[in-house]
Amino acid sequence: GIDPRRCTGPQPVPHQPPPKARSAMRVLSIAASVAASATLRRGVALKTNTTDSTDACAMPVIETATGFSFAQEEPAPEGEITYKNKYLGCYGLENAKEDYTPMDPEPTSMTPTKCHSFCKGVEKARFFSLTEGSKCSCLHFVRKNPSGNSEDNCSKECTGDKRTKCGGAEAASVYVMIACKPQPETALDKLKKKQDKERDEKLKAKAGQTAKK
């Protein structure tokens, strides 16, 4: 018998670009990857964990290899303001001593909420950090160690909430503060408010009729 493999003829060789072209393609691929990463870092839209559609809580925070800051200073929202915070991570901070506004005196029990409540009243403060389980400081911007972050370095329990970590001896739990301004009422919001008012009026009328009997 004849081996069919001998009759297939030479196999086509896949097209390969010349070495210089392959090198250029690799450079373009790396450049595109770096550009995409830079774009992501340049404008990080941080949103708080909230289901309330009336709060505008997205804030353009700039993240680089060395820190966090805001893209621009925005005036404080007018009207009723809701303050929220967002955990950014555990970092070794390299801010100068004068960058910090510490909470003094320290409360007997510390939580991120208590630190936030203090820092939202500090002028120009946009971030806050927690270290050693009980130390709270406010910051206008964050200068972090470029070597990265590790949650293992923020293993100290908050003195006011054992379920939450408040930094460590050499690293800080870092949060961004967000001022959320109410949005205009939607048609659905107005309808719900009208229905609630009508229901309350019916209950009051019914209660009045019962009292007369």
N, C-alpha and C. Protein backbone atom coordinates (compact mmCIF):
# COMPACT_ATOMS: atom_id res chain seq x y z
N GLY A 1 0.80 -1.19 0.00
CA GLY A 1 0.00 0.00 0.00
C GLY A 1 0.85 1.25 0.00
N ILE A 2 0.23 2.33 -0.39
CA ILE A 2 0.95 3.62 -0.44
C ILE A 2 0.58 4.43 0.77
N ASP A 3 1.58 4.93 1.43
CA ASP A 3 1.34 5.79 2.60
C ASP A 3 0.76 7.10 2.11
N PRO A 4 -0.51 7.43 2.50
CA PRO A 4 -1.15 8.67 2.00
C PRO A 4 -0.41 9.93 2.41
N ARG A 5 0.38 9.84 3.48
CA ARG A 5 1.11 11.03 3.92
C ARG A 5 2.15 11.48 2.91
N ARG A 6 2.61 10.49 2.05
CA ARG A 6 3.63 10.83 1.05
C ARG A 6 3.04 11.54 -0.16
N CYS A 7 1.72 11.56 -0.23
CA CYS A 7 1.08 12.15 -1.41
C CYS A 7 0.46 13.52 -1.14
N THR A 8 0.64 14.00 0.04
CA THR A 8 0.00 15.28 0.38
C THR A 8 0.77 16.47 -0.14
N GLY A 9 2.02 16.29 -0.47
CA GLY A 9 2.81 17.40 -0.99
C GLY A 9 3.32 18.28 0.14
N PRO A 10 4.07 19.30 -0.13
CA PRO A 10 4.63 20.18 0.91
C PRO A 10 3.53 20.99 1.59
N GLN A 11 3.65 21.13 2.89
CA GLN A 11 2.67 21.87 3.67
C GLN A 11 2.97 23.38 3.60
N PRO A 12 1.92 24.20 3.53
CA PRO A 12 2.16 25.66 3.48
C PRO A 12 2.75 26.16 4.79
N VAL A 13 3.69 27.06 4.68
CA VAL A 13 4.34 27.63 5.86
C VAL A 13 3.58 28.89 6.27
N PRO A 14 3.15 28.99 7.55
CA PRO A 14 2.41 30.19 7.99
C PRO A 14 3.23 31.46 7.75
N HIS A 15 2.53 32.50 7.33
CA HIS A 15 3.22 33.76 7.05
C HIS A 15 3.75 34.37 8.34
N GLN A 16 5.01 34.72 8.34
CA GLN A 16 5.63 35.37 9.49
C GLN A 16 6.19 36.71 9.06
N PRO A 17 5.88 37.80 9.76
CA PRO A 17 6.47 39.09 9.39
C PRO A 17 7.97 39.07 9.63
N PRO A 18 8.71 39.87 8.92
CA PRO A 18 10.17 39.92 9.13
C PRO A 18 10.49 40.35 10.55
N PRO A 19 11.72 40.02 11.04
CA PRO A 19 12.11 40.33 12.43
C PRO A 19 11.89 41.78 12.82
N LYS A 20 12.21 42.74 11.92
CA LYS A 20 12.03 44.16 12.27
C LYS A 20 10.56 44.50 12.49
N ALA A 21 9.68 43.92 11.64
CA ALA A 21 8.25 44.18 11.78
C ALA A 21 7.71 43.60 13.08
N ARG A 22 8.20 42.37 13.43
CA ARG A 22 7.75 41.75 14.69
C ARG A 22 8.17 42.59 15.88
N SER A 23 9.37 43.15 15.83
CA SER A 23 9.86 43.99 16.92
C SER A 23 9.00 45.25 17.05
N ALA A 24 8.65 45.86 15.90
CA ALA A 24 7.82 47.06 15.92
C ALA A 24 6.43 46.77 16.47
N MET A 25 5.90 45.57 16.12
CA MET A 25 4.58 45.18 16.62
C MET A 25 4.60 45.04 18.14
N ARG A 26 5.69 44.45 18.66
CA ARG A 26 5.81 44.29 20.11
C ARG A 26 5.85 45.64 20.81
N VAL A 27 6.60 46.59 20.23
CA VAL A 27 6.71 47.93 20.81
C VAL A 27 5.34 48.60 20.83
N LEU A 28 4.59 48.49 19.72
CA LEU A 28 3.27 49.10 19.64
C LEU A 28 2.32 48.48 20.66
N SER A 29 2.42 47.15 20.84
CA SER A 29 1.56 46.46 21.79
C SER A 29 1.84 46.92 23.21
N ILE A 30 3.13 47.05 23.55
CA ILE A 30 3.52 47.50 24.89
C ILE A 30 3.06 48.94 25.10
N ALA A 31 3.24 49.80 24.08
CA ALA A 31 2.85 51.20 24.19
C ALA A 31 1.35 51.32 24.41
N ALA A 32 0.57 50.50 23.68
CA ALA A 32 -0.89 50.54 23.83
C ALA A 32 -1.30 50.12 25.22
N SER A 33 -0.61 49.09 25.75
CA SER A 33 -0.92 48.61 27.09
C SER A 33 -0.63 49.67 28.14
N VAL A 34 0.52 50.35 27.98
CA VAL A 34 0.91 51.41 28.92
C VAL A 34 -0.08 52.57 28.84
N ALA A 35 -0.48 52.94 27.61
CA ALA A 35 -1.42 54.04 27.44
C ALA A 35 -2.76 53.72 28.08
N ALA A 36 -3.22 52.47 27.92
CA ALA A 36 -4.50 52.07 28.51
C ALA A 36 -4.42 52.12 30.02
N SER A 37 -3.29 51.66 30.57
CA SER A 37 -3.12 51.69 32.02
C SER A 37 -3.10 53.12 32.53
N ALA A 38 -2.41 54.01 31.79
CA ALA A 38 -2.33 55.42 32.20
C ALA A 38 -3.71 56.06 32.19
N THR A 39 -4.51 55.70 31.19
CA THR A 39 -5.86 56.26 31.10
C THR A 39 -6.69 55.85 32.30
N LEU A 40 -6.58 54.59 32.69
CA LEU A 40 -7.33 54.11 33.84
C LEU A 40 -6.89 54.80 35.11
N ARG A 41 -5.58 55.02 35.23
CA ARG A 41 -5.05 55.65 36.43
C ARG A 41 -5.41 57.13 36.50
N ARG A 42 -5.54 57.77 35.31
CA ARG A 42 -5.69 59.22 35.28
C ARG A 42 -7.03 59.68 35.83
N GLY A 43 -8.06 58.93 35.60
CA GLY A 43 -9.37 59.34 36.09
C GLY A 43 -10.14 58.17 36.66
N VAL A 44 -10.04 57.94 37.94
CA VAL A 44 -10.73 56.82 38.57
C VAL A 44 -12.03 57.33 39.16
N ALA A 45 -13.13 56.94 38.58
CA ALA A 45 -14.45 57.38 39.09
C ALA A 45 -14.83 56.50 40.27
N LEU A 46 -14.76 57.05 41.45
CA LEU A 46 -15.08 56.29 42.65
C LEU A 46 -16.52 56.52 43.04
N LYS A 47 -17.27 55.44 43.21
CA LYS A 47 -18.66 55.55 43.60
C LYS A 47 -18.87 54.83 44.93
N THR A 48 -19.62 55.46 45.79
CA THR A 48 -19.89 54.86 47.08
C THR A 48 -20.92 53.76 46.94
N ASN A 49 -20.93 52.86 47.91
CA ASN A 49 -21.89 51.78 47.90
C ASN A 49 -23.23 52.30 48.41
N THR A 50 -24.02 52.84 47.53
CA THR A 50 -25.31 53.39 47.92
C THR A 50 -26.35 53.05 46.87
N THR A 51 -27.56 52.82 47.31
CA THR A 51 -28.65 52.53 46.38
C THR A 51 -29.55 53.76 46.23
N ASP A 52 -29.18 54.85 46.87
CA ASP A 52 -29.98 56.07 46.82
C ASP A 52 -29.69 56.81 45.52
N SER A 53 -30.65 56.81 44.59
CA SER A 53 -30.42 57.41 43.28
C SER A 53 -30.39 58.94 43.33
N THR A 54 -30.75 59.53 44.46
CA THR A 54 -30.78 60.99 44.55
C THR A 54 -29.43 61.58 44.91
N ASP A 55 -28.45 60.74 45.22
CA ASP A 55 -27.13 61.23 45.59
C ASP A 55 -26.17 61.16 44.41
N ALA A 56 -25.50 62.27 44.10
CA ALA A 56 -24.46 62.27 43.06
C ALA A 56 -23.13 62.11 43.77
N CYS A 57 -22.59 60.90 43.75
CA CYS A 57 -21.41 60.60 44.56
C CYS A 57 -20.18 60.21 43.75
N ALA A 58 -20.23 60.31 42.44
CA ALA A 58 -19.05 59.97 41.65
C ALA A 58 -18.06 61.13 41.71
N MET A 59 -16.79 60.83 42.00
CA MET A 59 -15.78 61.87 42.09
C MET A 59 -14.55 61.49 41.27
N PRO A 60 -14.02 62.43 40.44
CA PRO A 60 -12.86 62.12 39.61
C PRO A 60 -11.57 62.16 40.42
N VAL A 61 -11.16 61.04 40.95
CA VAL A 61 -9.94 60.96 41.75
C VAL A 61 -8.78 60.53 40.85
N ILE A 62 -7.69 61.25 40.94
CA ILE A 62 -6.49 60.91 40.17
C ILE A 62 -5.68 59.91 40.97
N GLU A 63 -5.36 58.75 40.38
CA GLU A 63 -4.48 57.78 41.02
C GLU A 63 -3.24 57.60 40.16
N THR A 64 -2.08 57.75 40.78
CA THR A 64 -0.81 57.48 40.10
C THR A 64 -0.05 56.46 40.92
N ALA A 65 1.13 56.11 40.46
CA ALA A 65 1.94 55.13 41.19
C ALA A 65 2.37 55.67 42.55
N THR A 66 2.34 57.00 42.70
CA THR A 66 2.83 57.60 43.95
C THR A 66 1.75 58.25 44.81
N GLY A 67 0.47 58.18 44.40
CA GLY A 67 -0.51 58.78 45.29
C GLY A 67 -1.89 58.97 44.71
N PHE A 68 -2.75 59.67 45.50
CA PHE A 68 -4.11 60.00 45.11
C PHE A 68 -4.32 61.50 45.28
N SER A 69 -5.11 62.09 44.39
CA SER A 69 -5.50 63.48 44.52
C SER A 69 -6.76 63.69 43.69
N PHE A 70 -7.35 64.88 43.77
CA PHE A 70 -8.53 65.18 42.98
C PHE A 70 -8.12 65.88 41.70
N ALA A 71 -8.87 65.63 40.62
CA ALA A 71 -8.55 66.23 39.32
C ALA A 71 -8.60 67.75 39.40
N GLN A 72 -9.55 68.26 40.16
CA GLN A 72 -9.68 69.71 40.31
C GLN A 72 -10.47 70.01 41.58
N GLU A 73 -10.27 71.19 42.08
CA GLU A 73 -10.99 71.58 43.28
C GLU A 73 -12.39 72.03 42.88
N GLU A 74 -13.39 71.38 43.44
CA GLU A 74 -14.77 71.74 43.12
C GLU A 74 -15.40 72.45 44.31
N PRO A 75 -16.24 73.46 44.07
CA PRO A 75 -16.91 74.14 45.19
C PRO A 75 -17.82 73.18 45.92
N ALA A 76 -18.00 73.41 47.20
CA ALA A 76 -18.88 72.54 48.00
C ALA A 76 -20.30 72.61 47.46
N PRO A 77 -20.96 71.47 47.34
CA PRO A 77 -22.34 71.47 46.83
C PRO A 77 -23.25 72.31 47.71
N GLU A 78 -24.22 72.97 47.08
CA GLU A 78 -25.19 73.76 47.83
C GLU A 78 -26.36 72.88 48.26
N GLY A 79 -27.03 73.31 49.31
CA GLY A 79 -28.18 72.55 49.79
C GLY A 79 -27.77 71.44 50.75
N GLU A 80 -28.66 70.50 50.92
CA GLU A 80 -28.42 69.40 51.85
C GLU A 80 -27.33 68.49 51.30
N ILE A 81 -26.27 68.26 52.09
CA ILE A 81 -25.14 67.47 51.64
C ILE A 81 -25.06 66.17 52.44
N THR A 82 -24.83 65.08 51.75
CA THR A 82 -24.61 63.80 52.40
C THR A 82 -23.14 63.45 52.23
N TYR A 83 -22.47 63.15 53.33
CA TYR A 83 -21.05 62.81 53.27
C TYR A 83 -20.88 61.29 53.33
N LYS A 84 -20.08 60.78 52.42
CA LYS A 84 -19.80 59.35 52.38
C LYS A 84 -18.30 59.16 52.24
N ASN A 85 -17.84 57.91 52.38
CA ASN A 85 -16.42 57.65 52.18
C ASN A 85 -16.24 56.34 51.41
N LYS A 86 -15.06 56.19 50.83
CA LYS A 86 -14.73 55.01 50.04
C LYS A 86 -13.34 54.54 50.42
N TYR A 87 -13.21 53.26 50.75
CA TYR A 87 -11.91 52.69 51.13
C TYR A 87 -11.04 52.54 49.89
N LEU A 88 -9.81 53.06 49.94
CA LEU A 88 -8.91 53.00 48.80
C LEU A 88 -7.89 51.88 48.91
N GLY A 89 -7.53 51.52 50.15
CA GLY A 89 -6.57 50.44 50.33
C GLY A 89 -5.61 50.70 51.47
N CYS A 90 -4.68 49.77 51.63
CA CYS A 90 -3.66 49.85 52.68
C CYS A 90 -2.35 50.28 52.04
N TYR A 91 -1.77 51.39 52.51
CA TYR A 91 -0.57 51.93 51.89
C TYR A 91 0.44 52.40 52.94
N GLY A 92 1.71 52.32 52.56
CA GLY A 92 2.74 53.00 53.32
C GLY A 92 2.77 54.43 52.81
N LEU A 93 2.51 55.40 53.68
CA LEU A 93 2.41 56.79 53.24
C LEU A 93 3.73 57.53 53.38
N GLU A 94 3.96 58.46 52.44
CA GLU A 94 5.19 59.24 52.43
C GLU A 94 4.90 60.74 52.45
N ASN A 95 3.72 61.11 52.96
CA ASN A 95 3.41 62.53 53.12
C ASN A 95 4.32 63.16 54.16
N ALA A 96 4.58 64.47 53.99
CA ALA A 96 5.36 65.20 54.99
C ALA A 96 4.51 65.37 56.24
N LYS A 97 5.15 65.58 57.37
CA LYS A 97 4.45 65.71 58.65
C LYS A 97 3.41 66.82 58.61
N GLU A 98 3.74 67.92 57.92
CA GLU A 98 2.81 69.06 57.88
C GLU A 98 1.59 68.79 57.00
N ASP A 99 1.59 67.71 56.23
CA ASP A 99 0.43 67.36 55.40
C ASP A 99 -0.72 66.81 56.23
N TYR A 100 -0.40 66.30 57.42
CA TYR A 100 -1.40 65.62 58.24
C TYR A 100 -2.09 66.59 59.21
N THR A 101 -3.39 66.38 59.39
CA THR A 101 -4.13 67.04 60.46
C THR A 101 -4.65 65.93 61.36
N PRO A 102 -3.96 65.66 62.48
CA PRO A 102 -4.36 64.53 63.33
C PRO A 102 -5.58 64.85 64.19
N MET A 103 -6.33 63.84 64.51
CA MET A 103 -7.47 63.98 65.40
C MET A 103 -6.94 64.02 66.82
N ASP A 104 -7.15 65.14 67.49
CA ASP A 104 -6.58 65.33 68.82
C ASP A 104 -7.59 66.05 69.72
N PRO A 105 -7.96 65.45 70.85
CA PRO A 105 -7.44 64.19 71.38
C PRO A 105 -8.08 62.99 70.69
N GLU A 106 -7.41 61.84 70.81
CA GLU A 106 -7.95 60.61 70.24
C GLU A 106 -9.14 60.14 71.06
N PRO A 107 -10.19 59.65 70.40
CA PRO A 107 -11.33 59.11 71.16
C PRO A 107 -10.94 57.78 71.82
N THR A 108 -11.70 57.39 72.80
CA THR A 108 -11.38 56.13 73.48
C THR A 108 -11.58 54.93 72.56
N SER A 109 -12.44 55.08 71.56
CA SER A 109 -12.63 54.00 70.58
C SER A 109 -12.69 54.61 69.19
N MET A 110 -11.91 54.04 68.26
CA MET A 110 -11.81 54.61 66.91
C MET A 110 -12.49 53.71 65.89
N THR A 111 -13.16 54.36 64.93
CA THR A 111 -13.74 53.67 63.78
C THR A 111 -13.55 54.57 62.56
N PRO A 112 -13.64 54.03 61.34
CA PRO A 112 -13.56 54.89 60.15
C PRO A 112 -14.63 55.98 60.15
N THR A 113 -15.80 55.67 60.67
CA THR A 113 -16.89 56.65 60.71
C THR A 113 -16.52 57.84 61.59
N LYS A 114 -15.91 57.57 62.74
CA LYS A 114 -15.50 58.65 63.65
C LYS A 114 -14.42 59.51 63.01
N CYS A 115 -13.48 58.86 62.34
CA CYS A 115 -12.40 59.61 61.68
C CYS A 115 -12.98 60.47 60.56
N HIS A 116 -13.91 59.93 59.81
CA HIS A 116 -14.57 60.67 58.73
C HIS A 116 -15.33 61.87 59.28
N SER A 117 -16.05 61.66 60.38
CA SER A 117 -16.83 62.74 60.99
C SER A 117 -15.93 63.91 61.39
N PHE A 118 -14.74 63.59 61.86
CA PHE A 118 -13.79 64.64 62.24
C PHE A 118 -13.21 65.33 61.00
N CYS A 119 -12.76 64.54 60.04
CA CYS A 119 -12.04 65.09 58.89
C CYS A 119 -12.92 65.88 57.94
N LYS A 120 -14.22 65.59 57.91
CA LYS A 120 -15.07 66.34 56.99
C LYS A 120 -15.21 67.81 57.43
N GLY A 121 -14.83 68.09 58.66
CA GLY A 121 -14.85 69.47 59.15
C GLY A 121 -13.51 70.17 59.04
N VAL A 122 -12.51 69.47 58.51
CA VAL A 122 -11.17 70.05 58.35
C VAL A 122 -11.06 70.67 56.96
N GLU A 123 -10.66 71.93 56.91
CA GLU A 123 -10.58 72.65 55.63
C GLU A 123 -9.65 71.95 54.65
N LYS A 124 -10.12 71.77 53.44
CA LYS A 124 -9.38 71.18 52.31
C LYS A 124 -9.08 69.69 52.46
N ALA A 125 -9.51 69.08 53.53
CA ALA A 125 -9.28 67.65 53.69
C ALA A 125 -10.12 66.88 52.68
N ARG A 126 -9.51 65.94 52.00
CA ARG A 126 -10.22 65.12 51.01
C ARG A 126 -10.06 63.62 51.29
N PHE A 127 -9.08 63.29 52.13
CA PHE A 127 -8.80 61.89 52.45
C PHE A 127 -8.57 61.77 53.95
N PHE A 128 -8.67 60.55 54.48
CA PHE A 128 -8.26 60.33 55.86
C PHE A 128 -7.57 58.97 55.97
N SER A 129 -6.69 58.87 56.95
CA SER A 129 -5.93 57.64 57.15
C SER A 129 -6.06 57.18 58.59
N LEU A 130 -6.00 55.88 58.78
CA LEU A 130 -6.08 55.26 60.10
C LEU A 130 -4.87 54.36 60.29
N THR A 131 -4.21 54.51 61.43
CA THR A 131 -3.04 53.69 61.73
C THR A 131 -3.08 53.21 63.18
N GLU A 132 -2.39 52.12 63.42
CA GLU A 132 -2.20 51.58 64.77
C GLU A 132 -3.51 51.32 65.52
N GLY A 133 -4.60 51.17 64.79
CA GLY A 133 -5.87 50.83 65.41
C GLY A 133 -6.66 52.00 65.97
N SER A 134 -5.99 53.16 66.19
CA SER A 134 -6.69 54.26 66.86
C SER A 134 -6.30 55.65 66.39
N LYS A 135 -5.30 55.77 65.53
CA LYS A 135 -4.81 57.09 65.13
C LYS A 135 -5.46 57.51 63.81
N CYS A 136 -6.11 58.68 63.84
CA CYS A 136 -6.82 59.23 62.68
C CYS A 136 -6.16 60.52 62.23
N SER A 137 -5.94 60.65 60.91
CA SER A 137 -5.37 61.88 60.36
C SER A 137 -6.08 62.24 59.06
N CYS A 138 -6.17 63.55 58.79
CA CYS A 138 -6.84 64.05 57.59
C CYS A 138 -5.77 64.55 56.61
N LEU A 139 -6.04 64.36 55.31
CA LEU A 139 -5.08 64.73 54.28
C LEU A 139 -5.77 65.41 53.11
N HIS A 140 -5.06 66.39 52.51
CA HIS A 140 -5.56 67.03 51.29
C HIS A 140 -5.26 66.17 50.07
N PHE A 141 -4.14 65.44 50.11
CA PHE A 141 -3.77 64.50 49.06
C PHE A 141 -2.98 63.37 49.71
N VAL A 142 -2.81 62.29 48.99
CA VAL A 142 -2.13 61.10 49.54
C VAL A 142 -0.86 60.84 48.73
N ARG A 143 0.25 60.76 49.42
CA ARG A 143 1.51 60.38 48.78
C ARG A 143 1.88 58.98 49.29
N LYS A 144 1.73 58.00 48.42
CA LYS A 144 1.94 56.61 48.84
C LYS A 144 3.27 56.08 48.34
N ASN A 145 3.74 55.04 49.02
CA ASN A 145 4.98 54.38 48.60
C ASN A 145 4.72 53.68 47.28
N PRO A 146 5.55 53.94 46.25
CA PRO A 146 5.30 53.37 44.92
C PRO A 146 5.46 51.86 44.85
N SER A 147 5.99 51.24 45.91
CA SER A 147 6.20 49.78 45.89
C SER A 147 4.88 49.01 45.95
N GLY A 148 3.77 49.74 46.17
CA GLY A 148 2.47 49.07 46.16
C GLY A 148 1.86 48.97 47.54
N ASN A 149 0.82 48.15 47.64
CA ASN A 149 0.14 48.01 48.91
C ASN A 149 -0.11 46.55 49.22
N SER A 150 -0.29 46.25 50.48
CA SER A 150 -0.60 44.90 50.92
C SER A 150 -1.54 45.00 52.11
N GLU A 151 -2.68 44.35 52.01
CA GLU A 151 -3.65 44.39 53.11
C GLU A 151 -3.09 43.75 54.37
N ASP A 152 -2.07 42.89 54.21
CA ASP A 152 -1.46 42.25 55.38
C ASP A 152 -0.82 43.27 56.31
N ASN A 153 -0.44 44.43 55.77
CA ASN A 153 0.21 45.46 56.58
C ASN A 153 -0.78 46.29 57.38
N CYS A 154 -2.07 46.11 57.11
CA CYS A 154 -3.12 46.83 57.85
C CYS A 154 -3.97 45.81 58.61
N SER A 155 -3.35 45.18 59.57
CA SER A 155 -4.01 44.09 60.30
C SER A 155 -4.47 44.49 61.71
N LYS A 156 -4.28 45.77 62.05
CA LYS A 156 -4.64 46.23 63.39
C LYS A 156 -6.15 46.48 63.46
N GLU A 157 -6.80 45.86 64.41
CA GLU A 157 -8.25 46.06 64.57
C GLU A 157 -8.53 47.46 65.10
N CYS A 158 -9.63 48.07 64.61
CA CYS A 158 -10.04 49.38 65.12
C CYS A 158 -10.47 49.21 66.58
N THR A 159 -10.06 50.14 67.41
CA THR A 159 -10.40 50.03 68.84
C THR A 159 -11.89 50.13 69.09
N GLY A 160 -12.63 50.72 68.12
CA GLY A 160 -14.07 50.86 68.29
C GLY A 160 -14.89 49.86 67.50
N ASP A 161 -14.22 49.03 66.69
CA ASP A 161 -14.93 48.04 65.88
C ASP A 161 -13.94 46.95 65.49
N LYS A 162 -13.98 45.85 66.21
CA LYS A 162 -13.03 44.75 66.00
C LYS A 162 -13.19 44.10 64.63
N ARG A 163 -14.29 44.34 63.96
CA ARG A 163 -14.52 43.73 62.64
C ARG A 163 -13.81 44.50 61.53
N THR A 164 -13.35 45.72 61.85
CA THR A 164 -12.74 46.58 60.84
C THR A 164 -11.27 46.83 61.17
N LYS A 165 -10.44 46.92 60.13
CA LYS A 165 -9.02 47.16 60.31
C LYS A 165 -8.72 48.65 60.21
N CYS A 166 -7.87 49.11 61.13
CA CYS A 166 -7.46 50.52 61.15
C CYS A 166 -5.95 50.61 61.01
N GLY A 167 -5.44 50.21 59.85
CA GLY A 167 -4.03 50.35 59.57
C GLY A 167 -3.14 49.39 60.32
N GLY A 168 -1.87 49.79 60.46
CA GLY A 168 -0.88 49.00 61.16
C GLY A 168 0.19 49.92 61.70
N ALA A 169 1.32 49.35 62.09
CA ALA A 169 2.41 50.16 62.64
C ALA A 169 3.12 50.96 61.56
N GLU A 170 3.22 50.41 60.35
CA GLU A 170 3.96 51.07 59.27
C GLU A 170 3.10 51.41 58.06
N ALA A 171 1.82 51.08 58.11
CA ALA A 171 0.95 51.33 56.96
C ALA A 171 -0.38 51.89 57.44
N ALA A 172 -1.10 52.52 56.51
CA ALA A 172 -2.36 53.18 56.84
C ALA A 172 -3.51 52.66 55.99
N SER A 173 -4.67 52.56 56.62
CA SER A 173 -5.91 52.31 55.88
C SER A 173 -6.38 53.67 55.36
N VAL A 174 -6.46 53.81 54.04
CA VAL A 174 -6.71 55.12 53.43
C VAL A 174 -8.13 55.17 52.83
N TYR A 175 -8.82 56.28 53.11
CA TYR A 175 -10.18 56.49 52.60
C TYR A 175 -10.26 57.83 51.89
N VAL A 176 -11.15 57.92 50.89
CA VAL A 176 -11.44 59.20 50.25
C VAL A 176 -12.81 59.64 50.75
N MET A 177 -12.97 60.95 50.98
CA MET A 177 -14.25 61.50 51.44
C MET A 177 -14.98 62.12 50.26
N ILE A 178 -16.28 61.90 50.22
CA ILE A 178 -17.09 62.36 49.09
C ILE A 178 -18.31 63.12 49.60
N ALA A 179 -18.51 64.33 49.10
CA ALA A 179 -19.69 65.12 49.43
C ALA A 179 -20.72 64.92 48.32
N CYS A 180 -21.84 64.34 48.66
CA CYS A 180 -22.87 64.01 47.66
C CYS A 180 -23.98 65.04 47.70
N LYS A 181 -24.28 65.65 46.58
CA LYS A 181 -25.35 66.64 46.53
C LYS A 181 -26.62 65.99 45.98
N PRO A 182 -27.77 66.35 46.53
CA PRO A 182 -29.04 65.77 46.06
C PRO A 182 -29.31 66.17 44.61
N GLN A 183 -29.93 65.26 43.87
CA GLN A 183 -30.32 65.52 42.49
C GLN A 183 -31.80 65.94 42.44
N PRO A 184 -32.22 66.60 41.38
CA PRO A 184 -33.64 67.00 41.26
C PRO A 184 -34.56 65.78 41.36
N GLU A 185 -35.72 65.99 41.94
CA GLU A 185 -36.68 64.91 42.07
C GLU A 185 -37.12 64.40 40.70
N THR A 186 -37.24 63.09 40.59
CA THR A 186 -37.75 62.50 39.35
C THR A 186 -39.27 62.42 39.44
N ALA A 187 -39.91 62.10 38.32
CA ALA A 187 -41.37 61.95 38.30
C ALA A 187 -41.80 60.83 39.24
N LEU A 188 -40.98 59.78 39.32
CA LEU A 188 -41.29 58.66 40.20
C LEU A 188 -41.21 59.08 41.67
N ASP A 189 -40.20 59.91 41.99
CA ASP A 189 -40.07 60.41 43.37
C ASP A 189 -41.29 61.25 43.76
N LYS A 190 -41.74 62.13 42.84
CA LYS A 190 -42.90 62.99 43.11
C LYS A 190 -44.17 62.16 43.29
N LEU A 191 -44.34 61.13 42.47
CA LEU A 191 -45.51 60.27 42.57
C LEU A 191 -45.53 59.53 43.90
N LYS A 192 -44.35 59.03 44.31
CA LYS A 192 -44.26 58.31 45.58
C LYS A 192 -44.58 59.24 46.75
N LYS A 193 -44.06 60.47 46.69
CA LYS A 193 -44.31 61.44 47.75
C LYS A 193 -45.81 61.78 47.83
N LYS A 194 -46.47 61.91 46.67
CA LYS A 194 -47.90 62.21 46.62
C LYS A 194 -48.71 61.06 47.21
N GLN A 195 -48.34 59.82 46.86
CA GLN A 195 -49.04 58.64 47.38
C GLN A 195 -48.88 58.52 48.89
N ASP A 196 -47.67 58.81 49.39
CA ASP A 196 -47.42 58.75 50.83
C ASP A 196 -48.27 59.80 51.56
N LYS A 197 -48.37 61.00 50.97
CA LYS A 197 -49.16 62.07 51.59
C LYS A 197 -50.64 61.70 51.64
N GLU A 198 -51.15 61.15 50.53
CA GLU A 198 -52.55 60.74 50.48
C GLU A 198 -52.84 59.63 51.48
N ARG A 199 -51.93 58.70 51.62
CA ARG A 199 -52.10 57.61 52.57
C ARG A 199 -52.14 58.13 54.01
N ASP A 200 -51.24 59.07 54.30
CA ASP A 200 -51.20 59.66 55.65
C ASP A 200 -52.50 60.41 55.96
N GLU A 201 -53.01 61.13 54.97
CA GLU A 201 -54.26 61.88 55.17
C GLU A 201 -55.43 60.93 55.43
N LYS A 202 -55.48 59.82 54.73
CA LYS A 202 -56.55 58.84 54.92
C LYS A 202 -56.48 58.22 56.31
N LEU A 203 -55.24 57.93 56.75
CA LEU A 203 -55.06 57.35 58.08
C LEU A 203 -55.49 58.33 59.17
N LYS A 204 -55.16 59.62 58.99
CA LYS A 204 -55.55 60.64 59.96
C LYS A 204 -57.07 60.80 60.00
N ALA A 205 -57.70 60.80 58.82
CA ALA A 205 -59.16 60.93 58.74
C ALA A 205 -59.84 59.74 59.41
N LYS A 206 -59.31 58.57 59.18
CA LYS A 206 -59.87 57.36 59.78
C LYS A 206 -59.72 57.39 61.29
N ALA A 207 -58.55 57.86 61.76
CA ALA A 207 -58.29 57.95 63.19
C ALA A 207 -59.25 58.94 63.83
N GLY A 208 -59.55 60.06 63.13
CA GLY A 208 -60.47 61.07 63.63
C GLY A 208 -61.88 60.55 63.74
N GLN A 209 -62.32 59.76 62.76
CA GLN A 209 -63.65 59.18 62.79
C GLN A 209 -63.79 58.17 63.93
N THR A 210 -62.72 57.42 64.15
CA THR A 210 -62.73 56.43 65.25
C THR A 210 -62.82 57.13 66.61
N ALA A 211 -62.12 58.26 66.74
CA ALA A 211 -62.11 59.00 68.00
C ALA A 211 -63.49 59.58 68.32
N LYS A 212 -64.26 59.99 67.27
CA LYS A 212 -65.59 60.57 67.47
C LYS A 212 -66.59 59.53 67.96
N LYS A 213 -66.39 58.27 67.54
CA LYS A 213 -67.29 57.20 67.98
C LYS A 213 -67.02 56.89 69.41
